[in-house]
Amino acid sequence: MTGDWASVLTLTRAVLLSLGLATTAVSFRAYLREETRYLRDATIGFASITFGVLIEGFLYQLTGLTLTQVHVAESVALACGFVVLLRSFLR
C-alpha cells in the first residue's frame, strides 16, 4: 500500500471509530435514561460494530495475520453487531 493510501485508510478508520464510539455513547445514555431492553441491545450492537472497526486495524498492523484473515475477523464482529441490532429492532 502506498503512503498516501495508507494515510487515507488510517484517517478513514479513525473517523469510523469516532463515529462508532459516539453512536455507542448516545445509545448507552439513552439506555441509562429509559432502561429498556431494546436500547440495551442496540448499545451492545453498536459496540460490537465499533469493535469490528477497531480490531481490523490492530490485527493487521500488530499481528502476522493476512489481510483476508483480518477482514474475516472484522466481518464476524460486524455481523454479530448487526444481528444484535436487528434483534433489538424486532422486539
PDB file of N, CA and C in Angstrom:
ATOM      1  N   MET A   1       0.851  -1.166   0.000  1.00  0.00           N
ATOM      2  CA  MET A   1       0.000   0.000   0.000  1.00  0.00           C
ATOM      3  C   MET A   1       0.899   1.232   0.000  1.00  0.00           C
ATOM      4  N   THR A   2       0.576   2.179  -0.840  1.00  0.00           N
ATOM      5  CA  THR A   2       1.391   3.381  -0.908  1.00  0.00           C
ATOM      6  C   THR A   2       1.146   4.257   0.308  1.00  0.00           C
ATOM      7  N   GLY A   3       2.072   5.158   0.547  1.00  0.00           N
ATOM      8  CA  GLY A   3       1.992   6.016   1.719  1.00  0.00           C
ATOM      9  C   GLY A   3       0.745   6.873   1.763  1.00  0.00           C
ATOM     10  N   ASP A   4       0.355   7.434   0.609  1.00  0.00           N
ATOM     11  CA  ASP A   4      -0.839   8.283   0.574  1.00  0.00           C
ATOM     12  C   ASP A   4      -2.098   7.494   0.911  1.00  0.00           C
ATOM     13  N   TRP A   5      -2.238   6.310   0.320  1.00  0.00           N
ATOM     14  CA  TRP A   5      -3.421   5.496   0.577  1.00  0.00           C
ATOM     15  C   TRP A   5      -3.434   4.966   2.001  1.00  0.00           C
ATOM     16  N   ALA A   6      -2.266   4.678   2.553  1.00  0.00           N
ATOM     17  CA  ALA A   6      -2.212   4.234   3.950  1.00  0.00           C
ATOM     18  C   ALA A   6      -2.692   5.348   4.877  1.00  0.00           C
ATOM     19  N   SER A   7      -2.330   6.570   4.556  1.00  0.00           N
ATOM     20  CA  SER A   7      -2.783   7.713   5.363  1.00  0.00           C
ATOM     21  C   SER A   7      -4.290   7.909   5.248  1.00  0.00           C
ATOM     22  N   VAL A   8      -4.817   7.756   4.042  1.00  0.00           N
ATOM     23  CA  VAL A   8      -6.261   7.882   3.830  1.00  0.00           C
ATOM     24  C   VAL A   8      -6.990   6.795   4.611  1.00  0.00           C
ATOM     25  N   LEU A   9      -6.475   5.565   4.565  1.00  0.00           N
ATOM     26  CA  LEU A   9      -7.088   4.457   5.300  1.00  0.00           C
ATOM     27  C   LEU A   9      -7.062   4.713   6.802  1.00  0.00           C
ATOM     28  N   THR A  10      -5.949   5.179   7.311  1.00  0.00           N
ATOM     29  CA  THR A  10      -5.829   5.470   8.736  1.00  0.00           C
ATOM     30  C   THR A  10      -6.811   6.563   9.153  1.00  0.00           C
ATOM     31  N   LEU A  11      -6.908   7.603   8.357  1.00  0.00           N
ATOM     32  CA  LEU A  11      -7.841   8.689   8.659  1.00  0.00           C
ATOM     33  C   LEU A  11      -9.286   8.197   8.608  1.00  0.00           C
ATOM     34  N   THR A  12      -9.603   7.399   7.598  1.00  0.00           N
ATOM     35  CA  THR A  12     -10.960   6.868   7.461  1.00  0.00           C
ATOM     36  C   THR A  12     -11.316   5.984   8.650  1.00  0.00           C
ATOM     37  N   ARG A  13     -10.400   5.130   9.058  1.00  0.00           N
ATOM     38  CA  ARG A  13     -10.635   4.258  10.212  1.00  0.00           C
ATOM     39  C   ARG A  13     -10.816   5.068  11.489  1.00  0.00           C
ATOM     40  N   ALA A  14     -10.042   6.145  11.636  1.00  0.00           N
ATOM     41  CA  ALA A  14     -10.171   6.996  12.823  1.00  0.00           C
ATOM     42  C   ALA A  14     -11.548   7.668  12.857  1.00  0.00           C
ATOM     43  N   VAL A  15     -12.033   8.121  11.703  1.00  0.00           N
ATOM     44  CA  VAL A  15     -13.359   8.734  11.632  1.00  0.00           C
ATOM     45  C   VAL A  15     -14.429   7.695  11.963  1.00  0.00           C
ATOM     46  N   LEU A  16     -14.310   6.491  11.378  1.00  0.00           N
ATOM     47  CA  LEU A  16     -15.277   5.428  11.666  1.00  0.00           C
ATOM     48  C   LEU A  16     -15.296   5.075  13.145  1.00  0.00           C
ATOM     49  N   LEU A  17     -14.126   4.973  13.738  1.00  0.00           N
ATOM     50  CA  LEU A  17     -14.041   4.653  15.162  1.00  0.00           C
ATOM     51  C   LEU A  17     -14.679   5.752  16.004  1.00  0.00           C
ATOM     52  N   SER A  18     -14.418   7.003  15.668  1.00  0.00           N
ATOM     53  CA  SER A  18     -15.012   8.123  16.407  1.00  0.00           C
ATOM     54  C   SER A  18     -16.528   8.121  16.298  1.00  0.00           C
ATOM     55  N   LEU A  19     -17.036   7.906  15.091  1.00  0.00           N
ATOM     56  CA  LEU A  19     -18.483   7.859  14.892  1.00  0.00           C
ATOM     57  C   LEU A  19     -19.101   6.669  15.631  1.00  0.00           C
ATOM     58  N   GLY A  20     -18.428   5.538  15.600  1.00  0.00           N
ATOM     59  CA  GLY A  20     -18.927   4.363  16.309  1.00  0.00           C
ATOM     60  C   GLY A  20     -18.963   4.571  17.805  1.00  0.00           C
ATOM     61  N   LEU A  21     -17.914   5.163  18.344  1.00  0.00           N
ATOM     62  CA  LEU A  21     -17.885   5.437  19.784  1.00  0.00           C
ATOM     63  C   LEU A  21     -18.960   6.450  20.173  1.00  0.00           C
ATOM     64  N   ALA A  22     -19.151   7.469  19.349  1.00  0.00           N
ATOM     65  CA  ALA A  22     -20.178   8.471  19.638  1.00  0.00           C
ATOM     66  C   ALA A  22     -21.577   7.846  19.597  1.00  0.00           C
ATOM     67  N   THR A  23     -21.835   7.021  18.598  1.00  0.00           N
ATOM     68  CA  THR A  23     -23.134   6.361  18.479  1.00  0.00           C
ATOM     69  C   THR A  23     -23.387   5.429  19.658  1.00  0.00           C
ATOM     70  N   THR A  24     -22.364   4.682  20.041  1.00  0.00           N
ATOM     71  CA  THR A  24     -22.487   3.775  21.175  1.00  0.00           C
ATOM     72  C   THR A  24     -22.748   4.566  22.463  1.00  0.00           C
ATOM     73  N   ALA A  25     -22.052   5.688  22.627  1.00  0.00           N
ATOM     74  CA  ALA A  25     -22.240   6.506  23.829  1.00  0.00           C
ATOM     75  C   ALA A  25     -23.650   7.081  23.897  1.00  0.00           C
ATOM     76  N   VAL A  26     -24.172   7.570  22.773  1.00  0.00           N
ATOM     77  CA  VAL A  26     -25.526   8.121  22.749  1.00  0.00           C
ATOM     78  C   VAL A  26     -26.545   7.022  23.074  1.00  0.00           C
ATOM     79  N   SER A  27     -26.339   5.856  22.482  1.00  0.00           N
ATOM     80  CA  SER A  27     -27.231   4.733  22.740  1.00  0.00           C
ATOM     81  C   SER A  27     -27.172   4.318  24.212  1.00  0.00           C
ATOM     82  N   PHE A  28     -25.981   4.297  24.773  1.00  0.00           N
ATOM     83  CA  PHE A  28     -25.830   3.922  26.178  1.00  0.00           C
ATOM     84  C   PHE A  28     -26.502   4.926  27.107  1.00  0.00           C
ATOM     85  N   ARG A  29     -26.352   6.217  26.805  1.00  0.00           N
ATOM     86  CA  ARG A  29     -27.019   7.235  27.620  1.00  0.00           C
ATOM     87  C   ARG A  29     -28.538   7.096  27.545  1.00  0.00           C
ATOM     88  N   ALA A  30     -29.035   6.778  26.355  1.00  0.00           N
ATOM     89  CA  ALA A  30     -30.482   6.562  26.209  1.00  0.00           C
ATOM     90  C   ALA A  30     -30.911   5.346  27.019  1.00  0.00           C
ATOM     91  N   TYR A  31     -30.083   4.311  27.002  1.00  0.00           N
ATOM     92  CA  TYR A  31     -30.407   3.119  27.806  1.00  0.00           C
ATOM     93  C   TYR A  31     -30.443   3.460  29.299  1.00  0.00           C
ATOM     94  N   LEU A  32     -29.466   4.220  29.767  1.00  0.00           N
ATOM     95  CA  LEU A  32     -29.444   4.585  31.187  1.00  0.00           C
ATOM     96  C   LEU A  32     -30.669   5.407  31.569  1.00  0.00           C
ATOM     97  N   ARG A  33     -31.140   6.232  30.655  1.00  0.00           N
ATOM     98  CA  ARG A  33     -32.303   7.072  30.926  1.00  0.00           C
ATOM     99  C   ARG A  33     -33.606   6.267  30.908  1.00  0.00           C
ATOM    100  N   GLU A  34     -33.747   5.383  29.910  1.00  0.00           N
ATOM    101  CA  GLU A  34     -35.005   4.654  29.723  1.00  0.00           C
ATOM    102  C   GLU A  34     -34.998   3.237  30.309  1.00  0.00           C
ATOM    103  N   GLU A  35     -33.831   2.630  30.385  1.00  0.00           N
ATOM    104  CA  GLU A  35     -33.648   1.268  30.895  1.00  0.00           C
ATOM    105  C   GLU A  35     -34.549   0.248  30.191  1.00  0.00           C
ATOM    106  N   THR A  36     -34.570   0.309  28.872  1.00  0.00           N
ATOM    107  CA  THR A  36     -35.344  -0.657  28.099  1.00  0.00           C
ATOM    108  C   THR A  36     -34.414  -1.682  27.471  1.00  0.00           C
ATOM    109  N   ARG A  37     -34.961  -2.837  27.239  1.00  0.00           N
ATOM    110  CA  ARG A  37     -34.172  -3.938  26.690  1.00  0.00           C
ATOM    111  C   ARG A  37     -33.662  -3.621  25.280  1.00  0.00           C
ATOM    112  N   TYR A  38     -34.501  -3.007  24.441  1.00  0.00           N
ATOM    113  CA  TYR A  38     -34.077  -2.755  23.075  1.00  0.00           C
ATOM    114  C   TYR A  38     -32.954  -1.723  23.003  1.00  0.00           C
ATOM    115  N   LEU A  39     -32.938  -0.749  23.920  1.00  0.00           N
ATOM    116  CA  LEU A  39     -31.825   0.204  23.944  1.00  0.00           C
ATOM    117  C   LEU A  39     -30.543  -0.455  24.455  1.00  0.00           C
ATOM    118  N   ARG A  40     -30.688  -1.370  25.396  1.00  0.00           N
ATOM    119  CA  ARG A  40     -29.514  -2.120  25.851  1.00  0.00           C
ATOM    120  C   ARG A  40     -28.937  -2.938  24.703  1.00  0.00           C
ATOM    121  N   ASP A  41     -29.813  -3.640  23.998  1.00  0.00           N
ATOM    122  CA  ASP A  41     -29.352  -4.453  22.867  1.00  0.00           C
ATOM    123  C   ASP A  41     -28.764  -3.592  21.753  1.00  0.00           C
ATOM    124  N   ALA A  42     -29.365  -2.442  21.506  1.00  0.00           N
ATOM    125  CA  ALA A  42     -28.830  -1.537  20.486  1.00  0.00           C
ATOM    126  C   ALA A  42     -27.426  -1.068  20.875  1.00  0.00           C
ATOM    127  N   THR A  43     -27.229  -0.771  22.147  1.00  0.00           N
ATOM    128  CA  THR A  43     -25.905  -0.357  22.617  1.00  0.00           C
ATOM    129  C   THR A  43     -24.886  -1.473  22.404  1.00  0.00           C
ATOM    130  N   ILE A  44     -25.261  -2.693  22.723  1.00  0.00           N
ATOM    131  CA  ILE A  44     -24.364  -3.838  22.513  1.00  0.00           C
ATOM    132  C   ILE A  44     -24.069  -4.010  21.030  1.00  0.00           C
ATOM    133  N   GLY A  45     -25.072  -3.849  20.187  1.00  0.00           N
ATOM    134  CA  GLY A  45     -24.870  -3.966  18.745  1.00  0.00           C
ATOM    135  C   GLY A  45     -23.931  -2.904  18.207  1.00  0.00           C
ATOM    136  N   PHE A  46     -24.142  -1.654  18.599  1.00  0.00           N
ATOM    137  CA  PHE A  46     -23.257  -0.576  18.146  1.00  0.00           C
ATOM    138  C   PHE A  46     -21.835  -0.778  18.658  1.00  0.00           C
ATOM    139  N   ALA A  47     -21.707  -1.267  19.891  1.00  0.00           N
ATOM    140  CA  ALA A  47     -20.370  -1.530  20.443  1.00  0.00           C
ATOM    141  C   ALA A  47     -19.675  -2.646  19.676  1.00  0.00           C
ATOM    142  N   SER A  48     -20.397  -3.670  19.281  1.00  0.00           N
ATOM    143  CA  SER A  48     -19.801  -4.771  18.508  1.00  0.00           C
ATOM    144  C   SER A  48     -19.328  -4.298  17.135  1.00  0.00           C
ATOM    145  N   ILE A  49     -20.130  -3.474  16.498  1.00  0.00           N
ATOM    146  CA  ILE A  49     -19.745  -2.940  15.195  1.00  0.00           C
ATOM    147  C   ILE A  49     -18.505  -2.063  15.337  1.00  0.00           C
ATOM    148  N   THR A  50     -18.484  -1.232  16.350  1.00  0.00           N
ATOM    149  CA  THR A  50     -17.320  -0.374  16.598  1.00  0.00           C
ATOM    150  C   THR A  50     -16.088  -1.214  16.904  1.00  0.00           C
ATOM    151  N   PHE A  51     -16.264  -2.279  17.665  1.00  0.00           N
ATOM    152  CA  PHE A  51     -15.156  -3.186  17.973  1.00  0.00           C
ATOM    153  C   PHE A  51     -14.597  -3.803  16.690  1.00  0.00           C
ATOM    154  N   GLY A  52     -15.471  -4.146  15.750  1.00  0.00           N
ATOM    155  CA  GLY A  52     -15.017  -4.701  14.471  1.00  0.00           C
ATOM    156  C   GLY A  52     -14.122  -3.735  13.720  1.00  0.00           C
ATOM    157  N   VAL A  53     -14.491  -2.468  13.726  1.00  0.00           N
ATOM    158  CA  VAL A  53     -13.672  -1.442  13.071  1.00  0.00           C
ATOM    159  C   VAL A  53     -12.326  -1.332  13.783  1.00  0.00           C
ATOM    160  N   LEU A  54     -12.344  -1.373  15.088  1.00  0.00           N
ATOM    161  CA  LEU A  54     -11.126  -1.222  15.881  1.00  0.00           C
ATOM    162  C   LEU A  54     -10.166  -2.398  15.695  1.00  0.00           C
ATOM    163  N   ILE A  55     -10.692  -3.613  15.748  1.00  0.00           N
ATOM    164  CA  ILE A  55      -9.788  -4.764  15.712  1.00  0.00           C
ATOM    165  C   ILE A  55      -9.147  -4.971  14.348  1.00  0.00           C
ATOM    166  N   GLU A  56      -9.798  -4.532  13.276  1.00  0.00           N
ATOM    167  CA  GLU A  56      -9.193  -4.728  11.966  1.00  0.00           C
ATOM    168  C   GLU A  56      -7.836  -4.032  11.883  1.00  0.00           C
ATOM    169  N   GLY A  57      -7.782  -2.794  12.299  1.00  0.00           N
ATOM    170  CA  GLY A  57      -6.517  -2.062  12.254  1.00  0.00           C
ATOM    171  C   GLY A  57      -5.457  -2.672  13.145  1.00  0.00           C
ATOM    172  N   PHE A  58      -5.851  -3.034  14.360  1.00  0.00           N
ATOM    173  CA  PHE A  58      -4.887  -3.628  15.281  1.00  0.00           C
ATOM    174  C   PHE A  58      -4.372  -4.973  14.778  1.00  0.00           C
ATOM    175  N   LEU A  59      -5.273  -5.810  14.328  1.00  0.00           N
ATOM    176  CA  LEU A  59      -4.861  -7.138  13.873  1.00  0.00           C
ATOM    177  C   LEU A  59      -3.935  -7.060  12.668  1.00  0.00           C
ATOM    178  N   TYR A  60      -4.231  -6.163  11.758  1.00  0.00           N
ATOM    179  CA  TYR A  60      -3.408  -6.079  10.545  1.00  0.00           C
ATOM    180  C   TYR A  60      -2.028  -5.515  10.842  1.00  0.00           C
ATOM    181  N   GLN A  61      -1.964  -4.522  11.697  1.00  0.00           N
ATOM    182  CA  GLN A  61      -0.689  -3.868  11.956  1.00  0.00           C
ATOM    183  C   GLN A  61       0.153  -4.556  13.027  1.00  0.00           C
ATOM    184  N   LEU A  62      -0.481  -5.258  13.964  1.00  0.00           N
ATOM    185  CA  LEU A  62       0.265  -5.784  15.102  1.00  0.00           C
ATOM    186  C   LEU A  62       0.428  -7.298  15.115  1.00  0.00           C
ATOM    187  N   THR A  63      -0.177  -7.983  14.158  1.00  0.00           N
ATOM    188  CA  THR A  63      -0.051  -9.440  14.115  1.00  0.00           C
ATOM    189  C   THR A  63       0.438  -9.861  12.733  1.00  0.00           C
ATOM    190  N   GLY A  64       0.694 -11.125  12.598  1.00  0.00           N
ATOM    191  CA  GLY A  64       1.132 -11.663  11.323  1.00  0.00           C
ATOM    192  C   GLY A  64      -0.010 -12.173  10.465  1.00  0.00           C
ATOM    193  N   LEU A  65      -1.234 -11.794  10.795  1.00  0.00           N
ATOM    194  CA  LEU A  65      -2.386 -12.260  10.030  1.00  0.00           C
ATOM    195  C   LEU A  65      -2.409 -11.623   8.643  1.00  0.00           C
ATOM    196  N   THR A  66      -2.948 -12.368   7.699  1.00  0.00           N
ATOM    197  CA  THR A  66      -3.087 -11.835   6.345  1.00  0.00           C
ATOM    198  C   THR A  66      -4.262 -10.862   6.303  1.00  0.00           C
ATOM    199  N   LEU A  67      -4.335 -10.100   5.246  1.00  0.00           N
ATOM    200  CA  LEU A  67      -5.426  -9.151   5.093  1.00  0.00           C
ATOM    201  C   LEU A  67      -6.776  -9.871   5.057  1.00  0.00           C
ATOM    202  N   THR A  68      -6.818 -11.021   4.414  1.00  0.00           N
ATOM    203  CA  THR A  68      -8.057 -11.794   4.353  1.00  0.00           C
ATOM    204  C   THR A  68      -8.485 -12.243   5.740  1.00  0.00           C
ATOM    205  N   GLN A  69      -7.567 -12.729   6.545  1.00  0.00           N
ATOM    206  CA  GLN A  69      -7.894 -13.161   7.901  1.00  0.00           C
ATOM    207  C   GLN A  69      -8.397 -11.995   8.748  1.00  0.00           C
ATOM    208  N   VAL A  70      -7.797 -10.846   8.573  1.00  0.00           N
ATOM    209  CA  VAL A  70      -8.213  -9.662   9.314  1.00  0.00           C
ATOM    210  C   VAL A  70      -9.623  -9.240   8.902  1.00  0.00           C
ATOM    211  N   HIS A  71      -9.906  -9.303   7.605  1.00  0.00           N
ATOM    212  CA  HIS A  71     -11.251  -8.964   7.134  1.00  0.00           C
ATOM    213  C   HIS A  71     -12.289  -9.949   7.662  1.00  0.00           C
ATOM    214  N   VAL A  72     -11.924 -11.215   7.771  1.00  0.00           N
ATOM    215  CA  VAL A  72     -12.846 -12.204   8.332  1.00  0.00           C
ATOM    216  C   VAL A  72     -13.158 -11.856   9.790  1.00  0.00           C
ATOM    217  N   ALA A  73     -12.143 -11.518  10.566  1.00  0.00           N
ATOM    218  CA  ALA A  73     -12.353 -11.153  11.972  1.00  0.00           C
ATOM    219  C   ALA A  73     -13.249  -9.920  12.084  1.00  0.00           C
ATOM    220  N   GLU A  74     -13.000  -8.927  11.242  1.00  0.00           N
ATOM    221  CA  GLU A  74     -13.835  -7.726  11.256  1.00  0.00           C
ATOM    222  C   GLU A  74     -15.271  -8.063  10.862  1.00  0.00           C
ATOM    223  N   SER A  75     -15.429  -8.888   9.845  1.00  0.00           N
ATOM    224  CA  SER A  75     -16.765  -9.245   9.363  1.00  0.00           C
ATOM    225  C   SER A  75     -17.564  -9.997  10.412  1.00  0.00           C
ATOM    226  N   VAL A  76     -16.907 -10.856  11.183  1.00  0.00           N
ATOM    227  CA  VAL A  76     -17.595 -11.588  12.247  1.00  0.00           C
ATOM    228  C   VAL A  76     -18.104 -10.610  13.304  1.00  0.00           C
ATOM    229  N   ALA A  77     -17.264  -9.661  13.702  1.00  0.00           N
ATOM    230  CA  ALA A  77     -17.687  -8.671  14.696  1.00  0.00           C
ATOM    231  C   ALA A  77     -18.831  -7.813  14.155  1.00  0.00           C
ATOM    232  N   LEU A  78     -18.741  -7.409  12.894  1.00  0.00           N
ATOM    233  CA  LEU A  78     -19.806  -6.610  12.291  1.00  0.00           C
ATOM    234  C   LEU A  78     -21.104  -7.409  12.211  1.00  0.00           C
ATOM    235  N   ALA A  79     -21.013  -8.659  11.796  1.00  0.00           N
ATOM    236  CA  ALA A  79     -22.213  -9.498  11.687  1.00  0.00           C
ATOM    237  C   ALA A  79     -22.875  -9.678  13.050  1.00  0.00           C
ATOM    238  N   CYS A  80     -22.078  -9.919  14.076  1.00  0.00           N
ATOM    239  CA  CYS A  80     -22.639 -10.056  15.427  1.00  0.00           C
ATOM    240  C   CYS A  80     -23.349  -8.773  15.846  1.00  0.00           C
ATOM    241  N   GLY A  81     -22.733  -7.644  15.570  1.00  0.00           N
ATOM    242  CA  GLY A  81     -23.350  -6.369  15.910  1.00  0.00           C
ATOM    243  C   GLY A  81     -24.663  -6.148  15.190  1.00  0.00           C
ATOM    244  N   PHE A  82     -24.696  -6.479  13.900  1.00  0.00           N
ATOM    245  CA  PHE A  82     -25.931  -6.304  13.138  1.00  0.00           C
ATOM    246  C   PHE A  82     -27.026  -7.270  13.587  1.00  0.00           C
ATOM    247  N   VAL A  83     -26.647  -8.485  13.976  1.00  0.00           N
ATOM    248  CA  VAL A  83     -27.640  -9.434  14.495  1.00  0.00           C
ATOM    249  C   VAL A  83     -28.270  -8.895  15.775  1.00  0.00           C
ATOM    250  N   VAL A  84     -27.450  -8.365  16.666  1.00  0.00           N
ATOM    251  CA  VAL A  84     -27.971  -7.818  17.921  1.00  0.00           C
ATOM    252  C   VAL A  84     -28.853  -6.603  17.642  1.00  0.00           C
ATOM    253  N   LEU A  85     -28.415  -5.736  16.719  1.00  0.00           N
ATOM    254  CA  LEU A  85     -29.239  -4.579  16.353  1.00  0.00           C
ATOM    255  C   LEU A  85     -30.581  -5.005  15.771  1.00  0.00           C
ATOM    256  N   LEU A  86     -30.542  -5.944  14.857  1.00  0.00           N
ATOM    257  CA  LEU A  86     -31.778  -6.437  14.241  1.00  0.00           C
ATOM    258  C   LEU A  86     -32.716  -7.004  15.302  1.00  0.00           C
ATOM    259  N   ARG A  87     -32.147  -7.770  16.225  1.00  0.00           N
ATOM    260  CA  ARG A  87     -32.945  -8.341  17.309  1.00  0.00           C
ATOM    261  C   ARG A  87     -33.583  -7.239  18.159  1.00  0.00           C
ATOM    262  N   SER A  88     -32.817  -6.179  18.409  1.00  0.00           N
ATOM    263  CA  SER A  88     -33.381  -5.105  19.232  1.00  0.00           C
ATOM    264  C   SER A  88     -34.491  -4.356  18.487  1.00  0.00           C
ATOM    265  N   PHE A  89     -34.370  -4.243  17.174  1.00  0.00           N
ATOM    266  CA  PHE A  89     -35.398  -3.545  16.400  1.00  0.00           C
ATOM    267  C   PHE A  89     -36.672  -4.378  16.274  1.00  0.00           C
ATOM    268  N   LEU A  90     -36.548  -5.691  16.266  1.00  0.00           N
ATOM    269  CA  LEU A  90     -37.696  -6.556  16.069  1.00  0.00           C
ATOM    270  C   LEU A  90     -38.481  -6.807  17.348  1.00  0.00           C
ATOM    271  N   ARG A  91     -37.942  -6.427  18.468  1.00  0.00           N
ATOM    272  CA  ARG A  91     -38.641  -6.646  19.745  1.00  0.00           C
ATOM    273  C   ARG A  91     -39.578  -5.519  20.054  1.00  0.00           C
TER     274      ARG A  91
END
